[in-house]
Amino acid sequence: MSKLLENAGVIAFILAFLFCCFGISLVIFYGFLYMPPAITPIS
């Protein structure tokens, strides 16, 4: 029983890690997509 709980904890940790990586990459992608004019001067 403890082994099952241990495996569930590892799986939950991996899922949380992947979710964090996915969220960070999404934020970076949208940050590059919608850059404020201060960073990308059009003049």
PDB file of N, CA and C in Angstrom:
ATOM      1  N   MET A   1       0.835  -1.201   0.000  1.00  0.00           N
ATOM      2  CA  MET A   1       0.000   0.000   0.000  1.00  0.00           C
ATOM      3  C   MET A   1       0.867   1.248   0.000  1.00  0.00           C
ATOM      4  N   SER A   2       1.923   1.239   0.796  1.00  0.00           N
ATOM      5  CA  SER A   2       2.804   2.404   0.854  1.00  0.00           C
ATOM      6  C   SER A   2       3.527   2.590  -0.486  1.00  0.00           C
ATOM      7  N   LYS A   3       3.817   1.451  -1.158  1.00  0.00           N
ATOM      8  CA  LYS A   3       4.485   1.524  -2.456  1.00  0.00           C
ATOM      9  C   LYS A   3       3.573   2.200  -3.481  1.00  0.00           C
ATOM     10  N   LEU A   4       2.280   1.891  -3.415  1.00  0.00           N
ATOM     11  CA  LEU A   4       1.320   2.490  -4.341  1.00  0.00           C
ATOM     12  C   LEU A   4       1.231   3.998  -4.112  1.00  0.00           C
ATOM     13  N   LEU A   5       1.188   4.400  -2.845  1.00  0.00           N
ATOM     14  CA  LEU A   5       1.132   5.829  -2.516  1.00  0.00           C
ATOM     15  C   LEU A   5       2.406   6.523  -2.971  1.00  0.00           C
ATOM     16  N   GLU A   6       3.527   5.838  -2.840  1.00  0.00           N
ATOM     17  CA  GLU A   6       4.803   6.417  -3.252  1.00  0.00           C
ATOM     18  C   GLU A   6       4.813   6.650  -4.763  1.00  0.00           C
ATOM     19  N   ASN A   7       4.314   5.663  -5.515  1.00  0.00           N
ATOM     20  CA  ASN A   7       4.259   5.800  -6.975  1.00  0.00           C
ATOM     21  C   ASN A   7       3.309   6.926  -7.373  1.00  0.00           C
ATOM     22  N   ALA A   8       2.186   7.045  -6.681  1.00  0.00           N
ATOM     23  CA  ALA A   8       1.217   8.105  -6.985  1.00  0.00           C
ATOM     24  C   ALA A   8       1.851   9.475  -6.744  1.00  0.00           C
ATOM     25  N   GLY A   9       2.649   9.590  -5.688  1.00  0.00           N
ATOM     26  CA  GLY A   9       3.331  10.852  -5.393  1.00  0.00           C
ATOM     27  C   GLY A   9       4.326  11.212  -6.482  1.00  0.00           C
ATOM     28  N   VAL A  10       5.067  10.212  -6.966  1.00  0.00           N
ATOM     29  CA  VAL A  10       6.048  10.452  -8.031  1.00  0.00           C
ATOM     30  C   VAL A  10       5.341  10.883  -9.312  1.00  0.00           C
ATOM     31  N   ILE A  11       4.232  10.203  -9.638  1.00  0.00           N
ATOM     32  CA  ILE A  11       3.481  10.542 -10.854  1.00  0.00           C
ATOM     33  C   ILE A  11       2.910  11.953 -10.744  1.00  0.00           C
ATOM     34  N   ALA A  12       2.375  12.297  -9.578  1.00  0.00           N
ATOM     35  CA  ALA A  12       1.817  13.634  -9.380  1.00  0.00           C
ATOM     36  C   ALA A  12       2.912  14.698  -9.514  1.00  0.00           C
ATOM     37  N   PHE A  13       4.114  14.396  -8.993  1.00  0.00           N
ATOM     38  CA  PHE A  13       5.233  15.330  -9.078  1.00  0.00           C
ATOM     39  C   PHE A  13       5.645  15.542 -10.530  1.00  0.00           C
ATOM     40  N   ILE A  14       5.716  14.452 -11.300  1.00  0.00           N
ATOM     41  CA  ILE A  14       6.099  14.542 -12.716  1.00  0.00           C
ATOM     42  C   ILE A  14       5.057  15.339 -13.498  1.00  0.00           C
ATOM     43  N   LEU A  15       3.777  15.083 -13.224  1.00  0.00           N
ATOM     44  CA  LEU A  15       2.706  15.814 -13.923  1.00  0.00           C
ATOM     45  C   LEU A  15       2.774  17.301 -13.593  1.00  0.00           C
ATOM     46  N   ALA A  16       3.018  17.631 -12.326  1.00  0.00           N
ATOM     47  CA  ALA A  16       3.112  19.034 -11.926  1.00  0.00           C
ATOM     48  C   ALA A  16       4.310  19.696 -12.605  1.00  0.00           C
ATOM     49  N   PHE A  17       5.428  18.962 -12.708  1.00  0.00           N
ATOM     50  CA  PHE A  17       6.626  19.493 -13.344  1.00  0.00           C
ATOM     51  C   PHE A  17       6.378  19.771 -14.823  1.00  0.00           C
ATOM     52  N   LEU A  18       5.724  18.816 -15.505  1.00  0.00           N
ATOM     53  CA  LEU A  18       5.419  18.995 -16.927  1.00  0.00           C
ATOM     54  C   LEU A  18       4.456  20.156 -17.130  1.00  0.00           C
ATOM     55  N   PHE A  19       3.469  20.277 -16.223  1.00  0.00           N
ATOM     56  CA  PHE A  19       2.494  21.359 -16.330  1.00  0.00           C
ATOM     57  C   PHE A  19       3.187  22.713 -16.167  1.00  0.00           C
ATOM     58  N   CYS A  20       4.139  22.790 -15.241  1.00  0.00           N
ATOM     59  CA  CYS A  20       4.884  24.033 -15.020  1.00  0.00           C
ATOM     60  C   CYS A  20       5.709  24.385 -16.254  1.00  0.00           C
ATOM     61  N   CYS A  21       6.382  23.397 -16.828  1.00  0.00           N
ATOM     62  CA  CYS A  21       7.205  23.636 -18.016  1.00  0.00           C
ATOM     63  C   CYS A  21       6.333  24.103 -19.177  1.00  0.00           C
ATOM     64  N   PHE A  22       5.162  23.459 -19.332  1.00  0.00           N
ATOM     65  CA  PHE A  22       4.249  23.823 -20.408  1.00  0.00           C
ATOM     66  C   PHE A  22       3.743  25.251 -20.221  1.00  0.00           C
ATOM     67  N   GLY A  23       3.406  25.604 -18.992  1.00  0.00           N
ATOM     68  CA  GLY A  23       2.913  26.949 -18.703  1.00  0.00           C
ATOM     69  C   GLY A  23       3.979  28.002 -18.964  1.00  0.00           C
ATOM     70  N   ILE A  24       5.210  27.727 -18.549  1.00  0.00           N
ATOM     71  CA  ILE A  24       6.295  28.684 -18.746  1.00  0.00           C
ATOM     72  C   ILE A  24       6.571  28.882 -20.239  1.00  0.00           C
ATOM     73  N   SER A  25       6.563  27.780 -21.000  1.00  0.00           N
ATOM     74  CA  SER A  25       6.814  27.888 -22.441  1.00  0.00           C
ATOM     75  C   SER A  25       5.686  28.648 -23.124  1.00  0.00           C
ATOM     76  N   LEU A  26       4.441  28.461 -22.640  1.00  0.00           N
ATOM     77  CA  LEU A  26       3.307  29.208 -23.203  1.00  0.00           C
ATOM     78  C   LEU A  26       3.465  30.696 -22.928  1.00  0.00           C
ATOM     79  N   VAL A  27       3.871  31.031 -21.707  1.00  0.00           N
ATOM     80  CA  VAL A  27       4.044  32.439 -21.339  1.00  0.00           C
ATOM     81  C   VAL A  27       5.134  33.085 -22.196  1.00  0.00           C
ATOM     82  N   ILE A  28       6.233  32.366 -22.405  1.00  0.00           N
ATOM     83  CA  ILE A  28       7.330  32.890 -23.228  1.00  0.00           C
ATOM     84  C   ILE A  28       6.871  33.061 -24.675  1.00  0.00           C
ATOM     85  N   PHE A  29       6.123  32.057 -25.184  1.00  0.00           N
ATOM     86  CA  PHE A  29       5.639  32.107 -26.569  1.00  0.00           C
ATOM     87  C   PHE A  29       4.724  33.304 -26.776  1.00  0.00           C
ATOM     88  N   TYR A  30       3.740  33.488 -25.871  1.00  0.00           N
ATOM     89  CA  TYR A  30       2.820  34.609 -26.008  1.00  0.00           C
ATOM     90  C   TYR A  30       3.538  35.938 -25.737  1.00  0.00           C
ATOM     91  N   GLY A  31       4.572  35.902 -24.903  1.00  0.00           N
ATOM     92  CA  GLY A  31       5.351  37.110 -24.655  1.00  0.00           C
ATOM     93  C   GLY A  31       6.061  37.571 -25.920  1.00  0.00           C
ATOM     94  N   PHE A  32       6.606  36.599 -26.689  1.00  0.00           N
ATOM     95  CA  PHE A  32       7.258  36.949 -27.954  1.00  0.00           C
ATOM     96  C   PHE A  32       6.226  37.350 -28.998  1.00  0.00           C
ATOM     97  N   LEU A  33       5.037  36.707 -28.933  1.00  0.00           N
ATOM     98  CA  LEU A  33       3.997  36.970 -29.927  1.00  0.00           C
ATOM     99  C   LEU A  33       3.426  38.377 -29.757  1.00  0.00           C
ATOM    100  N   TYR A  34       3.183  38.759 -28.498  1.00  0.00           N
ATOM    101  CA  TYR A  34       2.580  40.071 -28.219  1.00  0.00           C
ATOM    102  C   TYR A  34       3.565  40.957 -27.465  1.00  0.00           C
ATOM    103  N   MET A  35       4.694  41.246 -28.105  1.00  0.00           N
ATOM    104  CA  MET A  35       5.700  42.089 -27.465  1.00  0.00           C
ATOM    105  C   MET A  35       5.223  43.533 -27.405  1.00  0.00           C
ATOM    106  N   PRO A  36       5.446  44.178 -26.281  1.00  0.00           N
ATOM    107  CA  PRO A  36       5.097  45.599 -26.169  1.00  0.00           C
ATOM    108  C   PRO A  36       5.963  46.440 -27.095  1.00  0.00           C
ATOM    109  N   PRO A  37       5.468  47.595 -27.545  1.00  0.00           N
ATOM    110  CA  PRO A  37       6.208  48.445 -28.488  1.00  0.00           C
ATOM    111  C   PRO A  37       7.549  48.916 -27.937  1.00  0.00           C
ATOM    112  N   ALA A  38       7.700  48.916 -26.596  1.00  0.00           N
ATOM    113  CA  ALA A  38       8.944  49.385 -25.998  1.00  0.00           C
ATOM    114  C   ALA A  38      10.097  48.439 -26.347  1.00  0.00           C
ATOM    115  N   ILE A  39       9.783  47.137 -26.481  1.00  0.00           N
ATOM    116  CA  ILE A  39      10.840  46.167 -26.776  1.00  0.00           C
ATOM    117  C   ILE A  39      11.093  46.099 -28.282  1.00  0.00           C
ATOM    118  N   THR A  40      10.028  46.227 -29.073  1.00  0.00           N
ATOM    119  CA  THR A  40      10.187  46.142 -30.531  1.00  0.00           C
ATOM    120  C   THR A  40       9.818  47.475 -31.184  1.00  0.00           C
ATOM    121  N   PRO A  41      10.777  48.365 -31.322  1.00  0.00           N
ATOM    122  CA  PRO A  41      10.518  49.658 -31.975  1.00  0.00           C
ATOM    123  C   PRO A  41      10.261  49.469 -33.463  1.00  0.00           C
ATOM    124  N   ILE A  42       9.174  50.047 -33.960  1.00  0.00           N
ATOM    125  CA  ILE A  42       8.804  49.858 -35.367  1.00  0.00           C
ATOM    126  C   ILE A  42       9.370  50.969 -36.248  1.00  0.00           C
ATOM    127  N   SER A  43       9.856  52.049 -35.635  1.00  0.00           N
ATOM    128  CA  SER A  43      10.363  53.189 -36.400  1.00  0.00           C
ATOM    129  C   SER A  43      11.558  52.786 -37.252  1.00  0.00           C
TER     130      SER A  43
END
